[in-house]
C-alpha atoms as a PDB file:
ATOM      1  CA  MET A   1     109.065 263.355  29.279  1.00  0.00           C
ATOM      2  CA  THR A   2     105.568 264.867  29.737  1.00  0.00           C
ATOM      3  CA  VAL A   3     102.475 262.932  28.723  1.00  0.00           C
ATOM      4  CA  SER A   4      99.623 264.753  27.039  1.00  0.00           C
ATOM      5  CA  PRO A   5      96.074 264.002  28.229  1.00  0.00           C
ATOM      6  CA  THR A   6      95.651 261.795  25.051  1.00  0.00           C
ATOM      7  CA  GLN A   7      98.828 259.739  25.450  1.00  0.00           C
ATOM      8  CA  SER A   8      99.023 256.876  27.925  1.00  0.00           C
ATOM      9  CA  GLU A   9     102.294 255.741  29.484  1.00  0.00           C
ATOM     10  CA  SER A  10     102.077 252.426  27.470  1.00  0.00           C
ATOM     11  CA  GLU A  11     101.687 254.305  24.244  1.00  0.00           C
ATOM     12  CA  ILE A  12     104.778 256.357  25.032  1.00  0.00           C
ATOM     13  CA  MET A  13     106.788 253.325  26.153  1.00  0.00           C
ATOM     14  CA  SER A  14     105.838 251.308  22.972  1.00  0.00           C
ATOM     15  CA  TRP A  15     108.061 253.610  20.829  1.00  0.00           C
ATOM     16  CA  LEU A  16     111.078 254.145  23.163  1.00  0.00           C
ATOM     17  CA  PRO A  17     114.121 252.245  22.045  1.00  0.00           C
ATOM     18  CA  LYS A  18     114.817 249.204  24.199  1.00  0.00           C
ATOM     19  CA  PHE A  19     118.460 248.750  23.473  1.00  0.00           C
ATOM     20  CA  PHE A  20     120.057 252.104  23.529  1.00  0.00           C
ATOM     21  CA  ASN A  21     121.774 253.262  26.686  1.00  0.00           C
ATOM     22  CA  ARG A  22     121.445 256.960  27.473  1.00  0.00           C
ATOM     23  CA  ASN A  23     123.181 256.744  30.968  1.00  0.00           C
ATOM     24  CA  ASN A  24     126.275 258.907  31.528  1.00  0.00           C
ATOM     25  CA  PRO A  25     129.576 257.049  30.849  1.00  0.00           C
ATOM     26  CA  ASP A  26     130.253 256.271  34.567  1.00  0.00           C
ATOM     27  CA  THR A  27     126.850 254.704  35.017  1.00  0.00           C
ATOM     28  CA  TRP A  28     127.154 252.847  31.747  1.00  0.00           C
ATOM     29  CA  ILE A  29     130.569 251.243  32.782  1.00  0.00           C
ATOM     30  CA  GLN A  30     129.146 250.498  36.291  1.00  0.00           C
ATOM     31  CA  ASP A  31     126.197 248.714  34.613  1.00  0.00           C
ATOM     32  CA  GLY A  32     128.664 246.523  32.480  1.00  0.00           C
ATOM     33  CA  GLY A  33     129.576 248.898  29.667  1.00  0.00           C
ATOM     34  CA  LYS A  34     128.121 246.766  26.961  1.00  0.00           C
ATOM     35  CA  THR A  35     128.052 247.924  23.441  1.00  0.00           C
ATOM     36  CA  TYR A  36     124.767 248.232  21.425  1.00  0.00           C
ATOM     37  CA  GLY A  37     125.951 245.253  19.406  1.00  0.00           C
ATOM     38  CA  GLU A  38     126.671 243.252  22.544  1.00  0.00           C
ATOM     39  CA  VAL A  39     123.271 243.909  23.932  1.00  0.00           C
ATOM     40  CA  VAL A  40     121.540 243.034  20.741  1.00  0.00           C
ATOM     41  CA  ALA A  41     123.513 239.813  20.395  1.00  0.00           C
ATOM     42  CA  GLU A  42     122.545 238.847  23.988  1.00  0.00           C
ATOM     43  CA  LYS A  43     118.809 239.519  23.366  1.00  0.00           C
ATOM     44  CA  THR A  44     119.015 237.638  20.085  1.00  0.00           C
ATOM     45  CA  THR A  45     120.576 234.641  21.821  1.00  0.00           C
ATOM     46  CA  GLU A  46     117.883 234.748  24.576  1.00  0.00           C
ATOM     47  CA  ILE A  47     114.997 234.836  22.150  1.00  0.00           C
ATOM     48  CA  LEU A  48     116.535 231.928  20.119  1.00  0.00           C
ATOM     49  CA  ALA A  49     116.956 229.793  23.148  1.00  0.00           C
ATOM     50  CA  THR A  50     113.674 230.428  24.746  1.00  0.00           C
ATOM     51  CA  HIS A  51     111.072 231.223  22.014  1.00  0.00           C
ATOM     52  CA  ARG A  52     108.820 228.322  21.400  1.00  0.00           C
ATOM     53  CA  PRO A  53     106.188 229.184  18.632  1.00  0.00           C
ATOM     54  CA  GLU A  54     102.946 227.441  18.592  1.00  0.00           C
ATOM     55  CA  PRO A  55     102.716 224.758  15.963  1.00  0.00           C
ATOM     56  CA  LEU A  56     100.730 225.499  12.827  1.00  0.00           C
ATOM     57  CA  PRO A  57      97.292 223.826  12.500  1.00  0.00           C
ATOM     58  CA  GLU A  58      97.635 220.698  10.351  1.00  0.00           C
ATOM     59  CA  GLU A  59      95.511 222.269   7.658  1.00  0.00           C
ATOM     60  CA  ILE A  60      97.833 225.184   7.264  1.00  0.00           C
ATOM     61  CA  GLY A  61     100.826 222.733   7.069  1.00  0.00           C
ATOM     62  CA  ARG A  62      99.120 220.778   4.369  1.00  0.00           C
ATOM     63  CA  GLN A  63      98.413 224.002   2.459  1.00  0.00           C
ATOM     64  CA  ILE A  64     102.078 225.050   2.635  1.00  0.00           C
ATOM     65  CA  ASP A  65     103.148 221.675   1.533  1.00  0.00           C
ATOM     66  CA  GLU A  66     100.879 221.936  -1.418  1.00  0.00           C
ATOM     67  CA  ILE A  67     102.175 225.481  -2.416  1.00  0.00           C
ATOM     68  CA  SER A  68     105.819 224.051  -2.089  1.00  0.00           C
ATOM     69  CA  ARG A  69     104.903 221.057  -4.255  1.00  0.00           C
ATOM     70  CA  ARG A  70     103.381 223.193  -6.976  1.00  0.00           C
ATOM     71  CA  ALA A  71     106.259 225.692  -6.843  1.00  0.00           C
ATOM     72  CA  GLU A  72     108.784 222.800  -7.103  1.00  0.00           C
ATOM     73  CA  GLU A  73     106.734 221.409 -10.156  1.00  0.00           C
ATOM     74  CA  ALA A  74     106.510 224.820 -11.823  1.00  0.00           C
ATOM     75  CA  LEU A  75     110.174 225.502 -11.330  1.00  0.00           C
ATOM     76  CA  SER A  76     111.623 221.983 -12.158  1.00  0.00           C
ATOM     77  CA  ASP A  77     112.815 222.976 -15.695  1.00  0.00           C
ATOM     78  CA  LYS A  78     114.445 226.158 -14.514  1.00  0.00           C
ATOM     79  CA  HIS A  79     118.068 226.457 -13.710  1.00  0.00           C
ATOM     80  CA  PHE A  80     119.302 228.906 -11.201  1.00  0.00           C
ATOM     81  CA  ALA A  81     122.808 230.166 -10.725  1.00  0.00           C
ATOM     82  CA  THR A  82     124.488 229.146  -7.451  1.00  0.00           C
END
Protein backbone atom coordinates (compact mmCIF):
# COMPACT_ATOMS: atom_id res chain seq x y z
CA MET A 1 0.00 0.00 0.00
CA THR A 2 1.38 3.37 -0.93
CA VAL A 3 0.92 6.36 1.30
CA SER A 4 0.21 9.74 -0.23
CA PRO A 5 2.12 12.74 1.10
CA THR A 6 -1.01 13.80 3.02
CA GLN A 7 -1.59 10.44 4.72
CA SER A 8 0.38 9.35 7.73
CA GLU A 9 0.92 5.69 8.48
CA SER A 10 -1.18 6.03 11.65
CA GLU A 11 -4.08 7.39 9.60
CA ILE A 12 -3.84 4.41 7.26
CA MET A 13 -3.60 1.91 10.12
CA SER A 14 -6.60 3.40 11.92
CA TRP A 15 -9.02 2.08 9.33
CA LEU A 16 -7.43 -1.26 8.50
CA PRO A 17 -9.44 -4.20 9.88
CA LYS A 18 -7.84 -5.73 12.97
CA PHE A 19 -9.56 -9.10 12.98
CA PHE A 20 -9.51 -10.25 9.37
CA ASN A 21 -6.78 -12.62 8.26
CA ARG A 22 -5.49 -12.06 4.76
CA ASN A 23 -2.75 -14.69 4.90
CA ASN A 24 -2.66 -17.58 2.48
CA PRO A 25 -4.28 -20.79 3.82
CA ASP A 26 -0.98 -22.46 4.75
CA THR A 27 0.17 -19.48 6.82
CA TRP A 28 -3.30 -19.15 8.35
CA ILE A 29 -3.23 -22.81 9.48
CA GLN A 30 0.35 -22.43 10.74
CA ASP A 31 -0.77 -19.42 12.81
CA GLY A 32 -3.56 -21.41 14.45
CA GLY A 33 -6.28 -21.35 11.78
CA LYS A 34 -8.75 -19.40 13.91
CA THR A 35 -12.01 -18.28 12.35
CA TYR A 36 -13.15 -14.67 12.46
CA GLY A 37 -15.65 -15.61 15.15
CA GLU A 38 -12.99 -17.27 17.30
CA VAL A 39 -10.67 -14.25 17.04
CA VAL A 40 -13.47 -11.83 17.93
CA ALA A 41 -14.65 -14.01 20.83
CA GLU A 42 -11.10 -14.18 22.23
CA LYS A 43 -10.69 -10.40 21.97
CA THR A 44 -14.09 -9.87 23.62
CA THR A 45 -13.14 -12.18 26.49
CA GLU A 46 -9.83 -10.35 26.90
CA ILE A 47 -11.51 -6.94 27.01
CA LEU A 48 -14.12 -8.10 29.52
CA ALA A 49 -11.44 -9.63 31.74
CA THR A 50 -9.02 -6.71 31.71
CA HIS A 51 -10.91 -3.46 31.11
CA ARG A 52 -11.30 -1.36 34.22
CA PRO A 53 -13.19 1.85 33.45
CA GLU A 54 -12.62 4.88 35.62
CA PRO A 55 -15.46 5.44 38.07
CA LEU A 56 -17.86 8.27 37.31
CA PRO A 57 -17.51 11.39 39.39
CA GLU A 58 -19.95 11.40 42.34
CA GLU A 59 -21.94 14.31 40.91
CA ILE A 60 -22.54 12.43 37.66
CA GLY A 61 -23.67 9.38 39.65
CA ARG A 62 -26.14 11.53 41.58
CA GLN A 63 -27.48 13.01 38.35
CA ILE A 64 -27.98 9.53 36.87
CA ASP A 65 -29.75 8.40 40.04
CA GLU A 66 -32.05 11.43 39.84
CA ILE A 67 -32.85 10.77 36.17
CA SER A 68 -33.61 7.13 37.02
CA ARG A 69 -35.82 8.14 39.97
CA ARG A 70 -37.81 10.59 37.80
CA ALA A 71 -38.20 7.99 35.06
CA GLU A 72 -39.46 5.38 37.50
CA GLU A 73 -41.91 7.89 38.91
CA ALA A 74 -43.14 8.95 35.46
CA LEU A 75 -43.56 5.33 34.34
CA SER A 76 -44.99 3.92 37.58
CA ASP A 77 -48.53 3.72 36.18
CA LYS A 78 -47.47 2.22 32.84
CA HIS A 79 -47.64 -1.50 32.17
CA PHE A 80 -45.17 -3.06 29.76
CA ALA A 81 -45.52 -6.44 28.13
CA THR A 82 -42.88 -8.93 29.19
